[in-house]
Amino acid sequence: MSYIFGIIIFVLDVWAIASIINTNETMTTKLIWIALVAFLPLLGLIIWWFAGPKANYG
């Protein structure tokens, strides 16, 4: 049952990274946020949700 939690975190991290890529931030800023989400999956996702750049869809 714990693997479901891991899969959910993985999917949310992929979504966060895709959202970070679709921002108007500089490449350096994008790489820092992507590294944070990739190396600290749960904590990085929470920090990005509250403080990170949001995507520009549209």
Protein backbone atom coordinates (compact mmCIF):
# COMPACT_ATOMS: atom_id res chain seq x y z
CA MET A 1 0.00 0.00 0.00
CA SER A 2 2.92 2.37 0.58
CA TYR A 3 3.85 2.23 -3.10
CA ILE A 4 0.63 4.12 -3.91
CA PHE A 5 1.88 7.07 -1.85
CA GLY A 6 5.17 6.94 -3.78
CA ILE A 7 3.38 6.88 -7.12
CA ILE A 8 1.22 9.86 -6.11
CA ILE A 9 4.29 11.87 -5.04
CA PHE A 10 6.06 10.93 -8.30
CA VAL A 11 3.11 12.08 -10.43
CA LEU A 12 2.81 15.34 -8.49
CA ASP A 13 6.54 15.97 -8.85
CA VAL A 14 6.37 15.43 -12.61
CA TRP A 15 3.43 17.83 -12.76
CA ALA A 16 5.35 20.41 -10.69
CA ILE A 17 8.43 20.12 -12.93
CA ALA A 18 6.28 20.53 -16.05
CA SER A 19 4.69 23.61 -14.49
CA ILE A 20 8.09 25.04 -13.61
CA ILE A 21 9.28 24.56 -17.18
CA ASN A 22 6.23 26.50 -18.45
CA THR A 23 7.01 29.67 -16.50
CA ASN A 24 8.57 32.92 -17.68
CA GLU A 25 11.40 32.64 -15.16
CA THR A 26 15.06 32.56 -16.18
CA MET A 27 16.67 29.22 -16.94
CA THR A 28 18.76 29.42 -13.77
CA THR A 29 15.66 29.91 -11.62
CA LYS A 30 13.91 27.03 -13.37
CA LEU A 31 16.88 24.73 -12.79
CA ILE A 32 17.04 25.61 -9.09
CA TRP A 33 13.34 24.87 -8.62
CA ILE A 34 13.54 21.64 -10.63
CA ALA A 35 16.53 20.50 -8.55
CA LEU A 36 14.66 21.28 -5.33
CA VAL A 37 11.62 19.27 -6.41
CA ALA A 38 13.75 16.41 -7.77
CA PHE A 39 16.09 16.01 -4.78
CA LEU A 40 13.50 16.66 -2.05
CA PRO A 41 10.34 15.18 -3.57
CA LEU A 42 7.79 15.81 -0.82
CA LEU A 43 9.34 18.85 0.84
CA GLY A 44 10.29 20.39 -2.51
CA LEU A 45 6.74 19.93 -3.77
CA ILE A 46 5.31 21.66 -0.70
CA ILE A 47 7.78 24.56 -0.94
CA TRP A 48 7.10 24.95 -4.67
CA TRP A 49 3.33 24.94 -4.08
CA PHE A 50 3.54 27.90 -1.69
CA ALA A 51 6.54 29.87 -3.00
CA GLY A 52 7.44 28.65 -6.48
CA PRO A 53 6.73 30.06 -9.90
CA LYS A 54 3.43 29.01 -11.42
CA ALA A 55 2.95 28.02 -15.05
CA ASN A 56 1.57 30.28 -17.75
CA TYR A 57 -0.95 28.09 -19.56
CA GLY A 58 -2.59 30.22 -22.14
